[in-house]
């Protein structure tokens, strides 16, 4: 969870930077690499603890996992 939070923070910062520097290819590449890493981290977290995001951003197994798994702040 800590690694996921670190990557999320970096993605937010890069998003803000890219809003004012949209042609910075190095920042775009870094953003894309971190976005890919975030997907990997989120997938690993969900395999161990259950869904991380609601509204169709995360899959759930049977039975419905939202009531069975710890909340992200409980991990």
C-alpha atoms as a PDB file:
ATOM      1  CA  UNK A   1       0.000   0.000   0.000  1.00  0.00           C
ATOM      2  CA  UNK A   2       2.856   2.384   0.769  1.00  0.00           C
ATOM      3  CA  UNK A   3       4.400   1.839  -2.677  1.00  0.00           C
ATOM      4  CA  UNK A   4       1.000   2.456  -4.270  1.00  0.00           C
ATOM      5  CA  UNK A   5       0.658   5.732  -2.364  1.00  0.00           C
ATOM      6  CA  UNK A   6       4.150   6.814  -3.428  1.00  0.00           C
ATOM      7  CA  UNK A   7       3.401   6.158  -7.091  1.00  0.00           C
ATOM      8  CA  UNK A   8       0.007   7.883  -6.818  1.00  0.00           C
ATOM      9  CA  UNK A   9       1.681  10.961  -5.319  1.00  0.00           C
ATOM     10  CA  UNK A  10       4.247  11.068  -8.131  1.00  0.00           C
ATOM     11  CA  UNK A  11       1.487  10.705 -10.736  1.00  0.00           C
ATOM     12  CA  UNK A  12      -0.446  13.630  -9.258  1.00  0.00           C
ATOM     13  CA  UNK A  13       2.689  15.787  -9.231  1.00  0.00           C
ATOM     14  CA  UNK A  14       3.546  14.832 -12.813  1.00  0.00           C
ATOM     15  CA  UNK A  15      -0.031  15.581 -13.881  1.00  0.00           C
ATOM     16  CA  UNK A  16       0.229  19.083 -12.424  1.00  0.00           C
ATOM     17  CA  UNK A  17       3.622  19.582 -14.077  1.00  0.00           C
ATOM     18  CA  UNK A  18       2.394  18.335 -17.443  1.00  0.00           C
ATOM     19  CA  UNK A  19      -0.582  20.700 -17.284  1.00  0.00           C
ATOM     20  CA  UNK A  20       1.913  23.550 -17.623  1.00  0.00           C
ATOM     21  CA  UNK A  21       4.606  21.709 -19.630  1.00  0.00           C
ATOM     22  CA  UNK A  22       2.641  19.541 -22.095  1.00  0.00           C
ATOM     23  CA  UNK A  23       5.552  19.097 -24.504  1.00  0.00           C
ATOM     24  CA  UNK A  24       8.038  17.698 -21.972  1.00  0.00           C
ATOM     25  CA  UNK A  25       8.665  14.276 -23.492  1.00  0.00           C
ATOM     26  CA  UNK A  26      10.771  13.057 -20.556  1.00  0.00           C
ATOM     27  CA  UNK A  27       7.976  13.878 -18.093  1.00  0.00           C
ATOM     28  CA  UNK A  28       5.429  12.144 -20.342  1.00  0.00           C
ATOM     29  CA  UNK A  29       7.599   9.038 -20.479  1.00  0.00           C
ATOM     30  CA  UNK A  30       8.018   9.083 -16.711  1.00  0.00           C
ATOM     31  CA  UNK A  31       4.255   9.513 -16.278  1.00  0.00           C
ATOM     32  CA  UNK A  32       3.538   6.559 -18.557  1.00  0.00           C
ATOM     33  CA  UNK A  33       6.082   4.362 -16.766  1.00  0.00           C
ATOM     34  CA  UNK A  34       4.596   5.240 -13.384  1.00  0.00           C
ATOM     35  CA  UNK A  35       1.060   4.673 -14.672  1.00  0.00           C
ATOM     36  CA  UNK A  36       2.099   1.202 -15.782  1.00  0.00           C
ATOM     37  CA  UNK A  37       3.794   0.553 -12.423  1.00  0.00           C
ATOM     38  CA  UNK A  38       0.673   1.761 -10.623  1.00  0.00           C
ATOM     39  CA  UNK A  39      -1.395  -0.771 -12.518  1.00  0.00           C
ATOM     40  CA  UNK A  40       0.974  -3.547 -11.474  1.00  0.00           C
ATOM     41  CA  UNK A  41       0.969  -2.459  -7.835  1.00  0.00           C
ATOM     42  CA  UNK A  42      -2.812  -2.108  -7.754  1.00  0.00           C
ATOM     43  CA  UNK A  43      -3.245  -5.548  -9.301  1.00  0.00           C
ATOM     44  CA  UNK A  44      -0.901  -7.130  -6.743  1.00  0.00           C
ATOM     45  CA  UNK A  45      -2.713  -5.362  -3.895  1.00  0.00           C
ATOM     46  CA  UNK A  46      -6.102  -6.518  -5.153  1.00  0.00           C
ATOM     47  CA  UNK A  47      -4.960 -10.111  -5.519  1.00  0.00           C
ATOM     48  CA  UNK A  48      -3.867 -10.130  -1.882  1.00  0.00           C
ATOM     49  CA  UNK A  49      -6.516  -7.925  -0.205  1.00  0.00           C
ATOM     50  CA  UNK A  50      -9.424  -7.518  -2.631  1.00  0.00           C
ATOM     51  CA  UNK A  51     -10.790  -4.642  -4.732  1.00  0.00           C
ATOM     52  CA  UNK A  52      -9.185  -1.237  -4.336  1.00  0.00           C
ATOM     53  CA  UNK A  53     -11.469   0.995  -6.420  1.00  0.00           C
ATOM     54  CA  UNK A  54     -15.217   0.984  -6.959  1.00  0.00           C
ATOM     55  CA  UNK A  55     -17.336   2.045  -9.969  1.00  0.00           C
ATOM     56  CA  UNK A  56     -16.011  -0.615 -12.302  1.00  0.00           C
ATOM     57  CA  UNK A  57     -12.322   0.218 -11.870  1.00  0.00           C
ATOM     58  CA  UNK A  58     -11.653  -3.033 -10.020  1.00  0.00           C
ATOM     59  CA  UNK A  59     -12.954  -6.518 -10.588  1.00  0.00           C
ATOM     60  CA  UNK A  60     -14.426  -8.595  -7.801  1.00  0.00           C
ATOM     61  CA  UNK A  61     -14.484 -12.309  -7.230  1.00  0.00           C
ATOM     62  CA  UNK A  62     -17.465 -14.316  -6.069  1.00  0.00           C
ATOM     63  CA  UNK A  63     -18.893 -13.710  -3.544  1.00  0.00           C
ATOM     64  CA  UNK A  64     -19.012  -9.912  -3.496  1.00  0.00           C
ATOM     65  CA  UNK A  65     -15.699  -8.847  -1.926  1.00  0.00           C
ATOM     66  CA  UNK A  66     -16.405  -5.322  -0.794  1.00  0.00           C
ATOM     67  CA  UNK A  67     -17.806  -6.494   2.520  1.00  0.00           C
ATOM     68  CA  UNK A  68     -15.137  -9.158   3.094  1.00  0.00           C
ATOM     69  CA  UNK A  69     -11.806  -7.393   2.589  1.00  0.00           C
ATOM     70  CA  UNK A  70     -10.091  -4.751   4.725  1.00  0.00           C
ATOM     71  CA  UNK A  71     -10.432  -1.149   3.695  1.00  0.00           C
ATOM     72  CA  UNK A  72      -7.247   0.337   2.173  1.00  0.00           C
ATOM     73  CA  UNK A  73      -6.492   2.274   5.376  1.00  0.00           C
ATOM     74  CA  UNK A  74      -6.730  -0.939   7.395  1.00  0.00           C
ATOM     75  CA  UNK A  75      -3.905  -2.644   5.488  1.00  0.00           C
END
